[in-house]
């Protein structure tokens, strides 16, 4: 006798309003190719940190990685120490270094203090990407931590911002450094489909 513990259609206790926000987060992208559709990884994110001397941010990365891995029954975030083993790179740098190393159009970065750039195939499977936190323009350590959390979480395929105070996905500037209950619900729903 097999009794599934989790239904694939489970809404993770999302209200109708929250489900609408969830759909906006997962089905649209902020920048680049505006084709709609859900983009997801089907392999682990093997993350290389390009600027490991930023020890406080590396420590925060480990915290966020662990939180996401607890919420996910599918892909995991794994830190790697050789760029050749990575399919995702994190830069704690400025917009010029990030743009030159990752070939991200500089005009996308001029007014963004954090940014994620991912590539997907014709089946919307993400296969590589990168992100940055601008450590030269952002002075507050709390805001740097927030940007790391926001961009790393969005790199999973949840590529759009929404209007929701207190959420990691909020399009308005704020520096929350923890996931809200709403964030945890939608991350779990997204990563466990």
C-alpha atoms as a PDB file:
ATOM      1  CA  UNK A   1       0.000   0.000   0.000  1.00  0.00           C
ATOM      2  CA  UNK A   2       1.420   3.386  -1.056  1.00  0.00           C
ATOM      3  CA  UNK A   3       0.085   6.585   0.455  1.00  0.00           C
ATOM      4  CA  UNK A   4       1.746   9.772  -0.804  1.00  0.00           C
ATOM      5  CA  UNK A   5       2.702  12.207   1.940  1.00  0.00           C
ATOM      6  CA  UNK A   6       2.509  15.286  -0.285  1.00  0.00           C
ATOM      7  CA  UNK A   7       0.072  15.958  -3.070  1.00  0.00           C
ATOM      8  CA  UNK A   8       1.578  17.443  -6.230  1.00  0.00           C
ATOM      9  CA  UNK A   9      -1.396  19.771  -6.444  1.00  0.00           C
ATOM     10  CA  UNK A  10      -0.955  20.973  -2.881  1.00  0.00           C
ATOM     11  CA  UNK A  11      -1.193  24.757  -2.628  1.00  0.00           C
ATOM     12  CA  UNK A  12       0.947  24.931   0.543  1.00  0.00           C
ATOM     13  CA  UNK A  13      -1.802  26.914   2.282  1.00  0.00           C
ATOM     14  CA  UNK A  14      -1.687  29.805  -0.160  1.00  0.00           C
ATOM     15  CA  UNK A  15      -4.708  32.071  -0.314  1.00  0.00           C
ATOM     16  CA  UNK A  16      -6.124  32.944  -3.729  1.00  0.00           C
ATOM     17  CA  UNK A  17      -4.316  36.308  -3.520  1.00  0.00           C
ATOM     18  CA  UNK A  18      -1.006  34.629  -2.599  1.00  0.00           C
ATOM     19  CA  UNK A  19      -1.437  32.082  -5.400  1.00  0.00           C
ATOM     20  CA  UNK A  20      -1.779  34.996  -7.832  1.00  0.00           C
ATOM     21  CA  UNK A  21       1.463  36.514  -6.526  1.00  0.00           C
ATOM     22  CA  UNK A  22       3.169  33.120  -6.733  1.00  0.00           C
ATOM     23  CA  UNK A  23       2.142  32.754 -10.376  1.00  0.00           C
ATOM     24  CA  UNK A  24       3.520  36.220 -11.143  1.00  0.00           C
ATOM     25  CA  UNK A  25       6.856  35.368  -9.483  1.00  0.00           C
ATOM     26  CA  UNK A  26       7.335  32.105 -11.378  1.00  0.00           C
ATOM     27  CA  UNK A  27       5.909  32.852 -14.814  1.00  0.00           C
ATOM     28  CA  UNK A  28       7.554  36.147 -15.736  1.00  0.00           C
ATOM     29  CA  UNK A  29      11.092  37.547 -15.805  1.00  0.00           C
ATOM     30  CA  UNK A  30      12.225  41.039 -14.845  1.00  0.00           C
ATOM     31  CA  UNK A  31      14.879  41.447 -17.548  1.00  0.00           C
ATOM     32  CA  UNK A  32      15.955  39.823 -20.784  1.00  0.00           C
ATOM     33  CA  UNK A  33      13.835  37.318 -22.701  1.00  0.00           C
ATOM     34  CA  UNK A  34      10.238  38.175 -21.783  1.00  0.00           C
ATOM     35  CA  UNK A  35       8.802  34.860 -23.015  1.00  0.00           C
ATOM     36  CA  UNK A  36       6.450  33.607 -20.349  1.00  0.00           C
ATOM     37  CA  UNK A  37       6.756  30.182 -18.829  1.00  0.00           C
ATOM     38  CA  UNK A  38       8.173  28.583 -15.732  1.00  0.00           C
ATOM     39  CA  UNK A  39      11.950  28.257 -15.733  1.00  0.00           C
ATOM     40  CA  UNK A  40      13.482  25.665 -13.390  1.00  0.00           C
ATOM     41  CA  UNK A  41      16.672  23.800 -12.718  1.00  0.00           C
ATOM     42  CA  UNK A  42      16.584  20.022 -12.986  1.00  0.00           C
ATOM     43  CA  UNK A  43      20.104  19.677 -11.558  1.00  0.00           C
ATOM     44  CA  UNK A  44      21.678  21.025  -8.407  1.00  0.00           C
ATOM     45  CA  UNK A  45      23.095  24.533  -8.404  1.00  0.00           C
ATOM     46  CA  UNK A  46      26.842  24.070  -8.044  1.00  0.00           C
ATOM     47  CA  UNK A  47      27.808  27.505  -6.775  1.00  0.00           C
ATOM     48  CA  UNK A  48      31.243  29.057  -7.059  1.00  0.00           C
ATOM     49  CA  UNK A  49      31.876  32.262  -5.093  1.00  0.00           C
ATOM     50  CA  UNK A  50      34.146  34.530  -7.117  1.00  0.00           C
ATOM     51  CA  UNK A  51      35.052  36.810  -4.203  1.00  0.00           C
ATOM     52  CA  UNK A  52      35.460  34.529  -1.157  1.00  0.00           C
ATOM     53  CA  UNK A  53      37.368  37.221   0.736  1.00  0.00           C
ATOM     54  CA  UNK A  54      33.953  38.731   1.526  1.00  0.00           C
ATOM     55  CA  UNK A  55      33.727  36.417   4.528  1.00  0.00           C
ATOM     56  CA  UNK A  56      30.566  37.865   6.094  1.00  0.00           C
ATOM     57  CA  UNK A  57      28.677  37.468   2.825  1.00  0.00           C
ATOM     58  CA  UNK A  58      30.044  33.953   2.337  1.00  0.00           C
ATOM     59  CA  UNK A  59      28.763  33.093   5.816  1.00  0.00           C
ATOM     60  CA  UNK A  60      25.363  34.547   4.893  1.00  0.00           C
ATOM     61  CA  UNK A  61      25.383  32.519   1.656  1.00  0.00           C
ATOM     62  CA  UNK A  62      25.850  29.333   3.711  1.00  0.00           C
ATOM     63  CA  UNK A  63      22.875  30.287   5.900  1.00  0.00           C
ATOM     64  CA  UNK A  64      20.612  30.994   2.903  1.00  0.00           C
ATOM     65  CA  UNK A  65      21.803  27.849   1.098  1.00  0.00           C
ATOM     66  CA  UNK A  66      20.869  25.742   4.127  1.00  0.00           C
ATOM     67  CA  UNK A  67      17.438  27.363   4.414  1.00  0.00           C
ATOM     68  CA  UNK A  68      16.674  26.734   0.739  1.00  0.00           C
ATOM     69  CA  UNK A  69      17.948  23.148   0.896  1.00  0.00           C
ATOM     70  CA  UNK A  70      15.633  22.434   3.828  1.00  0.00           C
ATOM     71  CA  UNK A  71      12.658  23.762   1.834  1.00  0.00           C
ATOM     72  CA  UNK A  72      13.525  21.791  -1.321  1.00  0.00           C
ATOM     73  CA  UNK A  73      12.805  18.167  -2.157  1.00  0.00           C
ATOM     74  CA  UNK A  74      14.255  18.615  -5.648  1.00  0.00           C
ATOM     75  CA  UNK A  75      17.326  20.681  -6.499  1.00  0.00           C
ATOM     76  CA  UNK A  76      19.882  21.587  -3.866  1.00  0.00           C
ATOM     77  CA  UNK A  77      22.438  24.355  -3.654  1.00  0.00           C
ATOM     78  CA  UNK A  78      25.968  23.023  -3.307  1.00  0.00           C
ATOM     79  CA  UNK A  79      29.073  25.160  -2.868  1.00  0.00           C
ATOM     80  CA  UNK A  80      32.014  24.219  -5.102  1.00  0.00           C
ATOM     81  CA  UNK A  81      35.536  25.589  -4.886  1.00  0.00           C
ATOM     82  CA  UNK A  82      36.599  25.342  -8.528  1.00  0.00           C
ATOM     83  CA  UNK A  83      34.898  27.480 -11.161  1.00  0.00           C
ATOM     84  CA  UNK A  84      35.180  24.570 -13.618  1.00  0.00           C
ATOM     85  CA  UNK A  85      32.791  22.555 -11.392  1.00  0.00           C
ATOM     86  CA  UNK A  86      30.199  25.343 -11.182  1.00  0.00           C
ATOM     87  CA  UNK A  87      27.032  25.987 -13.114  1.00  0.00           C
ATOM     88  CA  UNK A  88      26.354  29.150 -11.099  1.00  0.00           C
ATOM     89  CA  UNK A  89      28.729  31.910  -9.965  1.00  0.00           C
ATOM     90  CA  UNK A  90      28.240  34.558  -7.292  1.00  0.00           C
ATOM     91  CA  UNK A  91      30.081  37.879  -7.484  1.00  0.00           C
ATOM     92  CA  UNK A  92      30.473  40.195  -4.517  1.00  0.00           C
ATOM     93  CA  UNK A  93      31.811  43.038  -6.640  1.00  0.00           C
ATOM     94  CA  UNK A  94      30.741  46.090  -8.583  1.00  0.00           C
ATOM     95  CA  UNK A  95      28.593  46.287 -11.690  1.00  0.00           C
ATOM     96  CA  UNK A  96      31.563  46.793 -14.019  1.00  0.00           C
ATOM     97  CA  UNK A  97      33.393  43.641 -12.934  1.00  0.00           C
ATOM     98  CA  UNK A  98      30.210  41.599 -13.092  1.00  0.00           C
ATOM     99  CA  UNK A  99      29.244  42.919 -16.522  1.00  0.00           C
ATOM    100  CA  UNK A 100      32.681  42.288 -17.992  1.00  0.00           C
ATOM    101  CA  UNK A 101      33.092  38.782 -16.586  1.00  0.00           C
ATOM    102  CA  UNK A 102      29.571  37.541 -17.248  1.00  0.00           C
ATOM    103  CA  UNK A 103      28.673  39.536 -20.381  1.00  0.00           C
ATOM    104  CA  UNK A 104      25.546  40.942 -18.768  1.00  0.00           C
ATOM    105  CA  UNK A 105      24.483  44.212 -20.454  1.00  0.00           C
ATOM    106  CA  UNK A 106      25.712  47.068 -18.279  1.00  0.00           C
ATOM    107  CA  UNK A 107      22.472  49.023 -18.781  1.00  0.00           C
ATOM    108  CA  UNK A 108      20.659  46.303 -16.748  1.00  0.00           C
ATOM    109  CA  UNK A 109      23.011  46.964 -13.834  1.00  0.00           C
ATOM    110  CA  UNK A 110      23.111  50.754 -13.676  1.00  0.00           C
ATOM    111  CA  UNK A 111      20.120  51.028 -11.326  1.00  0.00           C
ATOM    112  CA  UNK A 112      20.318  47.543  -9.789  1.00  0.00           C
ATOM    113  CA  UNK A 113      22.404  46.808  -6.721  1.00  0.00           C
ATOM    114  CA  UNK A 114      21.868  43.086  -7.102  1.00  0.00           C
ATOM    115  CA  UNK A 115      21.153  41.063 -10.200  1.00  0.00           C
ATOM    116  CA  UNK A 116      20.673  37.493 -11.384  1.00  0.00           C
ATOM    117  CA  UNK A 117      21.230  36.233 -14.947  1.00  0.00           C
ATOM    118  CA  UNK A 118      20.296  32.677 -15.923  1.00  0.00           C
ATOM    119  CA  UNK A 119      20.240  30.712 -19.159  1.00  0.00           C
ATOM    120  CA  UNK A 120      17.570  28.178 -20.082  1.00  0.00           C
ATOM    121  CA  UNK A 121      17.002  25.816 -22.972  1.00  0.00           C
ATOM    122  CA  UNK A 122      13.960  25.410 -25.236  1.00  0.00           C
ATOM    123  CA  UNK A 123      12.239  23.329 -22.519  1.00  0.00           C
ATOM    124  CA  UNK A 124      12.711  26.189 -19.989  1.00  0.00           C
ATOM    125  CA  UNK A 125      15.281  24.193 -18.010  1.00  0.00           C
ATOM    126  CA  UNK A 126      17.854  26.495 -16.429  1.00  0.00           C
ATOM    127  CA  UNK A 127      21.361  25.143 -16.942  1.00  0.00           C
ATOM    128  CA  UNK A 128      23.696  27.945 -15.826  1.00  0.00           C
ATOM    129  CA  UNK A 129      23.719  31.400 -14.363  1.00  0.00           C
ATOM    130  CA  UNK A 130      25.306  34.017 -12.177  1.00  0.00           C
ATOM    131  CA  UNK A 131      24.437  36.817  -9.802  1.00  0.00           C
ATOM    132  CA  UNK A 132      26.057  39.747  -8.107  1.00  0.00           C
ATOM    133  CA  UNK A 133      25.725  41.913  -5.032  1.00  0.00           C
ATOM    134  CA  UNK A 134      27.113  45.404  -5.550  1.00  0.00           C
ATOM    135  CA  UNK A 135      29.449  45.860  -2.604  1.00  0.00           C
ATOM    136  CA  UNK A 136      30.742  49.244  -3.796  1.00  0.00           C
ATOM    137  CA  UNK A 137      27.417  51.134  -4.007  1.00  0.00           C
ATOM    138  CA  UNK A 138      25.591  49.329  -1.179  1.00  0.00           C
ATOM    139  CA  UNK A 139      27.088  50.353   2.150  1.00  0.00           C
ATOM    140  CA  UNK A 140      24.729  48.650   4.605  1.00  0.00           C
ATOM    141  CA  UNK A 141      25.709  45.095   5.468  1.00  0.00           C
ATOM    142  CA  UNK A 142      22.040  44.256   6.148  1.00  0.00           C
ATOM    143  CA  UNK A 143      21.114  45.406   2.634  1.00  0.00           C
ATOM    144  CA  UNK A 144      23.957  43.351   1.115  1.00  0.00           C
ATOM    145  CA  UNK A 145      22.605  40.297   2.951  1.00  0.00           C
ATOM    146  CA  UNK A 146      19.122  41.044   1.635  1.00  0.00           C
ATOM    147  CA  UNK A 147      20.366  41.351  -1.955  1.00  0.00           C
ATOM    148  CA  UNK A 148      22.222  38.051  -1.650  1.00  0.00           C
ATOM    149  CA  UNK A 149      19.055  36.360  -0.366  1.00  0.00           C
ATOM    150  CA  UNK A 150      16.833  37.927  -3.037  1.00  0.00           C
ATOM    151  CA  UNK A 151      19.052  37.183  -6.035  1.00  0.00           C
ATOM    152  CA  UNK A 152      20.042  33.670  -4.925  1.00  0.00           C
ATOM    153  CA  UNK A 153      16.387  32.804  -4.352  1.00  0.00           C
ATOM    154  CA  UNK A 154      15.361  34.267  -7.699  1.00  0.00           C
ATOM    155  CA  UNK A 155      18.114  32.256  -9.406  1.00  0.00           C
ATOM    156  CA  UNK A 156      16.096  29.118  -8.663  1.00  0.00           C
ATOM    157  CA  UNK A 157      13.669  30.234 -11.386  1.00  0.00           C
ATOM    158  CA  UNK A 158      11.477  32.585  -9.411  1.00  0.00           C
ATOM    159  CA  UNK A 159      12.581  35.478 -11.592  1.00  0.00           C
ATOM    160  CA  UNK A 160      10.069  38.244 -11.040  1.00  0.00           C
ATOM    161  CA  UNK A 161       9.451  40.830  -8.338  1.00  0.00           C
ATOM    162  CA  UNK A 162       6.063  41.558  -6.820  1.00  0.00           C
ATOM    163  CA  UNK A 163       4.470  44.172  -4.605  1.00  0.00           C
ATOM    164  CA  UNK A 164       4.445  42.457  -1.213  1.00  0.00           C
ATOM    165  CA  UNK A 165       5.908  44.177   1.836  1.00  0.00           C
ATOM    166  CA  UNK A 166       8.223  41.996   3.872  1.00  0.00           C
ATOM    167  CA  UNK A 167       8.802  39.522   1.052  1.00  0.00           C
ATOM    168  CA  UNK A 168      12.185  38.710  -0.427  1.00  0.00           C
ATOM    169  CA  UNK A 169      10.475  39.201  -3.800  1.00  0.00           C
ATOM    170  CA  UNK A 170       9.214  42.716  -3.008  1.00  0.00           C
ATOM    171  CA  UNK A 171       9.970  45.069  -5.889  1.00  0.00           C
ATOM    172  CA  UNK A 172      10.254  48.030  -3.535  1.00  0.00           C
ATOM    173  CA  UNK A 173      13.573  48.626  -1.783  1.00  0.00           C
ATOM    174  CA  UNK A 174      13.838  47.078   1.648  1.00  0.00           C
ATOM    175  CA  UNK A 175      16.526  45.161   3.460  1.00  0.00           C
ATOM    176  CA  UNK A 176      14.786  42.197   5.085  1.00  0.00           C
ATOM    177  CA  UNK A 177      17.257  39.435   5.875  1.00  0.00           C
ATOM    178  CA  UNK A 178      14.877  36.562   6.549  1.00  0.00           C
ATOM    179  CA  UNK A 179      12.215  34.796   4.541  1.00  0.00           C
ATOM    180  CA  UNK A 180       8.652  35.730   5.377  1.00  0.00           C
ATOM    181  CA  UNK A 181       6.082  32.975   5.907  1.00  0.00           C
ATOM    182  CA  UNK A 182       4.801  33.757   2.398  1.00  0.00           C
ATOM    183  CA  UNK A 183       8.323  33.391   0.950  1.00  0.00           C
ATOM    184  CA  UNK A 184       8.825  29.990   2.592  1.00  0.00           C
ATOM    185  CA  UNK A 185       5.474  28.766   1.294  1.00  0.00           C
ATOM    186  CA  UNK A 186       6.111  29.754  -2.313  1.00  0.00           C
ATOM    187  CA  UNK A 187       9.725  28.537  -2.324  1.00  0.00           C
ATOM    188  CA  UNK A 188       8.561  25.186  -0.987  1.00  0.00           C
ATOM    189  CA  UNK A 189       5.726  24.998  -3.525  1.00  0.00           C
ATOM    190  CA  UNK A 190       8.049  25.894  -6.399  1.00  0.00           C
ATOM    191  CA  UNK A 191      10.843  23.499  -5.463  1.00  0.00           C
ATOM    192  CA  UNK A 192       8.588  20.569  -4.631  1.00  0.00           C
ATOM    193  CA  UNK A 193       6.437  20.384  -7.756  1.00  0.00           C
END
